[in-house]
C-alpha atoms as a PDB file:
ATOM      1  CA  MET A   1      97.918 120.756 123.921  1.00  0.00           C
ATOM      2  CA  ASN A   2      94.999 118.300 123.511  1.00  0.00           C
ATOM      3  CA  SER A   3      95.681 114.749 122.603  1.00  0.00           C
ATOM      4  CA  ARG A   4      93.873 114.989 119.344  1.00  0.00           C
ATOM      5  CA  GLY A   5      96.423 117.752 118.014  1.00  0.00           C
ATOM      6  CA  LEU A   6      99.481 115.448 119.138  1.00  0.00           C
ATOM      7  CA  ARG A   7      97.933 112.504 117.610  1.00  0.00           C
ATOM      8  CA  SER A   8      97.606 114.448 114.277  1.00  0.00           C
ATOM      9  CA  GLN A   9     101.211 115.802 114.609  1.00  0.00           C
ATOM     10  CA  LEU A  10     102.650 112.184 115.004  1.00  0.00           C
ATOM     11  CA  LYS A  11     100.485 110.926 111.969  1.00  0.00           C
ATOM     12  CA  ASP A  12     101.843 113.603 109.972  1.00  0.00           C
ATOM     13  CA  SER A  13     105.386 112.994 111.024  1.00  0.00           C
ATOM     14  CA  VAL A  14     105.667 109.062 110.600  1.00  0.00           C
ATOM     15  CA  PRO A  15     105.744 107.983 107.021  1.00  0.00           C
ATOM     16  CA  VAL A  16     103.473 105.123 106.410  1.00  0.00           C
ATOM     17  CA  ALA A  17     104.708 104.317 102.795  1.00  0.00           C
ATOM     18  CA  GLY A  18     105.708 100.753 103.908  1.00  0.00           C
ATOM     19  CA  LEU A  19     102.323 100.086 105.627  1.00  0.00           C
ATOM     20  CA  CYS A  20     100.356 100.503 102.255  1.00  0.00           C
ATOM     21  CA  PRO A  21      98.573  97.352 100.740  1.00  0.00           C
ATOM     22  CA  GLN A  22     100.768  96.008  98.034  1.00  0.00           C
ATOM     23  CA  GLY A  23      99.303  92.593  97.248  1.00  0.00           C
ATOM     24  CA  ALA A  24      96.284  91.721  94.853  1.00  0.00           C
ATOM     25  CA  TYR A  25      93.940  91.676  97.629  1.00  0.00           C
ATOM     26  CA  GLY A  26      94.907  94.840  99.610  1.00  0.00           C
ATOM     27  CA  VAL A  27      97.324  92.773 101.963  1.00  0.00           C
ATOM     28  CA  GLN A  28     101.173  93.408 102.058  1.00  0.00           C
ATOM     29  CA  ASP A  29     103.007  90.568 100.065  1.00  0.00           C
ATOM     30  CA  SER A  30     105.183  89.438 102.915  1.00  0.00           C
ATOM     31  CA  LEU A  31     106.595  86.608 101.001  1.00  0.00           C
ATOM     32  CA  ARG A  32     108.139  88.945  98.225  1.00  0.00           C
ATOM     33  CA  SER A  33     108.800  92.048 100.241  1.00  0.00           C
ATOM     34  CA  GLY A  34     109.608  90.690 103.646  1.00  0.00           C
ATOM     35  CA  PHE A  35     108.158  92.046 106.848  1.00  0.00           C
ATOM     36  CA  THR A  36     107.830  95.777 107.218  1.00  0.00           C
ATOM     37  CA  SER A  37     108.986  97.640 110.198  1.00  0.00           C
ATOM     38  CA  VAL A  38     107.975 101.211 111.101  1.00  0.00           C
ATOM     39  CA  LYS A  39     111.236 101.606 112.816  1.00  0.00           C
ATOM     40  CA  ASN A  40     113.368 101.532 109.606  1.00  0.00           C
ATOM     41  CA  GLN A  41     111.266 104.247 107.947  1.00  0.00           C
ATOM     42  CA  LEU A  42     111.783 106.605 110.735  1.00  0.00           C
ATOM     43  CA  LEU A  43     114.564 109.215 111.389  1.00  0.00           C
ATOM     44  CA  PRO A  44     118.191 107.887 111.911  1.00  0.00           C
ATOM     45  CA  SER A  45     118.773 106.668 115.536  1.00  0.00           C
ATOM     46  CA  HIS A  46     122.424 108.036 115.560  1.00  0.00           C
ATOM     47  CA  PRO A  47     123.840 111.080 113.828  1.00  0.00           C
ATOM     48  CA  LEU A  48     126.695 109.021 112.226  1.00  0.00           C
ATOM     49  CA  GLU A  49     123.927 106.621 110.647  1.00  0.00           C
ATOM     50  CA  ILE A  50     123.346 108.818 107.601  1.00  0.00           C
ATOM     51  CA  SER A  51     127.127 109.307 107.075  1.00  0.00           C
ATOM     52  CA  GLU A  52     127.750 105.444 107.354  1.00  0.00           C
ATOM     53  CA  LYS A  53     125.087 104.670 104.788  1.00  0.00           C
ATOM     54  CA  ASN A  54     126.398 107.271 102.236  1.00  0.00           C
ATOM     55  CA  PHE A  55     130.186 106.086 102.869  1.00  0.00           C
ATOM     56  CA  GLN A  56     130.530 104.306  99.805  1.00  0.00           C
ATOM     57  CA  LEU A  57     128.826 107.062  97.523  1.00  0.00           C
ATOM     58  CA  ASN A  58     130.862 109.715  99.232  1.00  0.00           C
ATOM     59  CA  GLN A  59     134.189 107.712  98.730  1.00  0.00           C
ATOM     60  CA  ASP A  60     133.502 107.097  95.127  1.00  0.00           C
ATOM     61  CA  LYS A  61     132.565 110.940  94.575  1.00  0.00           C
ATOM     62  CA  MET A  62     135.994 111.731  96.038  1.00  0.00           C
ATOM     63  CA  ASN A  63     137.811 109.125  93.896  1.00  0.00           C
ATOM     64  CA  PHE A  64     136.004 110.546  90.752  1.00  0.00           C
ATOM     65  CA  SER A  65     137.142 113.907  91.589  1.00  0.00           C
ATOM     66  CA  THR A  66     140.711 113.143  92.176  1.00  0.00           C
ATOM     67  CA  VAL A  67     140.946 110.910  88.798  1.00  0.00           C
ATOM     68  CA  ARG A  68     139.268 113.773  86.893  1.00  0.00           C
ATOM     69  CA  ASN A  69     142.030 116.091  88.349  1.00  0.00           C
ATOM     70  CA  ILE A  70     144.657 113.899  87.647  1.00  0.00           C
ATOM     71  CA  GLN A  71     143.600 112.431  84.098  1.00  0.00           C
ATOM     72  CA  GLY A  72     140.858 114.357  82.738  1.00  0.00           C
ATOM     73  CA  LEU A  73     137.044 114.326  82.212  1.00  0.00           C
ATOM     74  CA  HIS A  74     137.099 111.014  80.594  1.00  0.00           C
ATOM     75  CA  ALA A  75     138.454 108.900  83.347  1.00  0.00           C
ATOM     76  CA  PRO A  76     135.701 109.137  85.923  1.00  0.00           C
ATOM     77  CA  LEU A  77     133.121 108.753  83.011  1.00  0.00           C
ATOM     78  CA  LYS A  78     134.532 105.527  81.812  1.00  0.00           C
ATOM     79  CA  LEU A  79     134.904 104.415  85.730  1.00  0.00           C
ATOM     80  CA  GLN A  80     131.293 105.140  86.128  1.00  0.00           C
ATOM     81  CA  MET A  81     130.226 103.201  83.022  1.00  0.00           C
ATOM     82  CA  GLU A  82     132.230 100.291  84.263  1.00  0.00           C
ATOM     83  CA  TYR A  83     130.657 100.240  87.614  1.00  0.00           C
ATOM     84  CA  MET A  84     127.270 100.541  86.119  1.00  0.00           C
ATOM     85  CA  ALA A  85     127.883  97.438  83.949  1.00  0.00           C
ATOM     86  CA  ALA A  86     129.396  95.457  86.981  1.00  0.00           C
ATOM     87  CA  ARG A  87     126.253  96.344  89.222  1.00  0.00           C
ATOM     88  CA  GLN A  88     124.029  94.707  86.260  1.00  0.00           C
ATOM     89  CA  ILE A  89     125.625  91.368  86.596  1.00  0.00           C
ATOM     90  CA  GLN A  90     123.644  89.497  89.025  1.00  0.00           C
ATOM     91  CA  ARG A  91     122.514  85.958  89.932  1.00  0.00           C
ATOM     92  CA  LEU A  92     119.047  84.806  89.952  1.00  0.00           C
ATOM     93  CA  PRO A  93     116.646  86.680  92.110  1.00  0.00           C
ATOM     94  CA  PHE A  94     116.653  84.155  95.021  1.00  0.00           C
ATOM     95  CA  LEU A  95     120.316  83.813  95.270  1.00  0.00           C
ATOM     96  CA  GLN A  96     122.633  86.646  96.828  1.00  0.00           C
ATOM     97  CA  SER A  97     125.304  88.172  94.396  1.00  0.00           C
ATOM     98  CA  SER A  98     128.737  88.620  95.617  1.00  0.00           C
ATOM     99  CA  ASN A  99     129.479  91.438  93.257  1.00  0.00           C
ATOM    100  CA  LEU A 100     132.994  90.527  92.880  1.00  0.00           C
ATOM    101  CA  ALA A 101     133.573  92.567  89.590  1.00  0.00           C
ATOM    102  CA  LEU A 102     132.357  95.625  91.451  1.00  0.00           C
ATOM    103  CA  ASP A 103     134.641  94.886  94.410  1.00  0.00           C
ATOM    104  CA  THR A 104     137.650  94.359  92.061  1.00  0.00           C
ATOM    105  CA  LEU A 105     136.934  97.614  90.162  1.00  0.00           C
ATOM    106  CA  ARG A 106     136.813  99.562  93.619  1.00  0.00           C
ATOM    107  CA  GLY A 107     139.757  97.794  94.775  1.00  0.00           C
ATOM    108  CA  SER A 108     137.869  96.339  97.709  1.00  0.00           C
ATOM    109  CA  ASP A 109     138.461  92.784  97.103  1.00  0.00           C
ATOM    110  CA  GLU A 110     141.492  92.138  99.087  1.00  0.00           C
ATOM    111  CA  SER A 111     140.147  93.719 102.307  1.00  0.00           C
ATOM    112  CA  ILE A 112     138.133  91.970 104.807  1.00  0.00           C
ATOM    113  CA  GLY A 113     135.350  93.975 106.509  1.00  0.00           C
ATOM    114  CA  PHE A 114     132.458  93.726 108.804  1.00  0.00           C
ATOM    115  CA  GLU A 115     129.923  92.738 105.947  1.00  0.00           C
ATOM    116  CA  ASP A 116     132.373  89.840 104.831  1.00  0.00           C
ATOM    117  CA  VAL A 117     132.335  88.137 108.017  1.00  0.00           C
ATOM    118  CA  LEU A 118     128.620  89.068 109.196  1.00  0.00           C
ATOM    119  CA  ASN A 119     127.019  88.713 106.129  1.00  0.00           C
ATOM    120  CA  ASP A 120     126.686  84.981 105.238  1.00  0.00           C
ATOM    121  CA  PRO A 121     123.882  84.415 102.739  1.00  0.00           C
ATOM    122  CA  ALA A 122     123.282  80.856 104.098  1.00  0.00           C
ATOM    123  CA  GLN A 123     121.935  82.803 107.276  1.00  0.00           C
ATOM    124  CA  SER A 124     119.791  85.247 105.159  1.00  0.00           C
ATOM    125  CA  GLU A 125     116.106  85.894 106.016  1.00  0.00           C
ATOM    126  CA  VAL A 126     115.436  87.201 102.261  1.00  0.00           C
ATOM    127  CA  MET A 127     115.516  83.600 100.639  1.00  0.00           C
ATOM    128  CA  GLY A 128     112.144  82.837  99.106  1.00  0.00           C
ATOM    129  CA  GLU A 129     110.674  80.306  96.889  1.00  0.00           C
ATOM    130  CA  PRO A 130     112.954  80.270  93.686  1.00  0.00           C
ATOM    131  CA  HIS A 131     110.187  79.766  91.021  1.00  0.00           C
ATOM    132  CA  MET A 132     107.982  82.460  92.306  1.00  0.00           C
ATOM    133  CA  MET A 133     110.643  84.904  92.448  1.00  0.00           C
ATOM    134  CA  VAL A 134     111.870  84.467  89.298  1.00  0.00           C
ATOM    135  CA  GLU A 135     108.378  84.653  87.756  1.00  0.00           C
ATOM    136  CA  TYR A 136     107.900  87.916  89.601  1.00  0.00           C
ATOM    137  CA  LYS A 137     111.216  89.320  88.333  1.00  0.00           C
ATOM    138  CA  LEU A 138     110.137  88.489  84.651  1.00  0.00           C
ATOM    139  CA  GLY A 139     106.799  89.983  85.035  1.00  0.00           C
ATOM    140  CA  LEU A 140     104.987  86.475  84.530  1.00  0.00           C
ATOM    141  CA  GLN A 141     102.799  86.780  87.481  1.00  0.00           C
END
């Protein structure tokens, strides 16, 4: 196989959506969207990575089916509406939201997990300039 064929196969297999220009001048806006990494857009590095990413979704589906079998169709619909309403409650765009209402609905507010210890918002790399982020969220820019 020649090198041209291998290069075209690699180009077709690696998604480059995050490398597309997003800013006003054709340059990615790193201040708003953060730094891009091709590594995050590639295939998962471990077989359990996909399972771990979808754990909460699978847990919710299992709980909804159990509640539907016990209480009927109305119960999971009511829970889904409450989850949607709790997800919409957020702080300002430049502050991390604790999602306390959603944790309370799911029953995970009393447990301490890995993300509770190592997810300190003060050490976050997502923090940006508050005025610019609010203007961007409201569409004023």
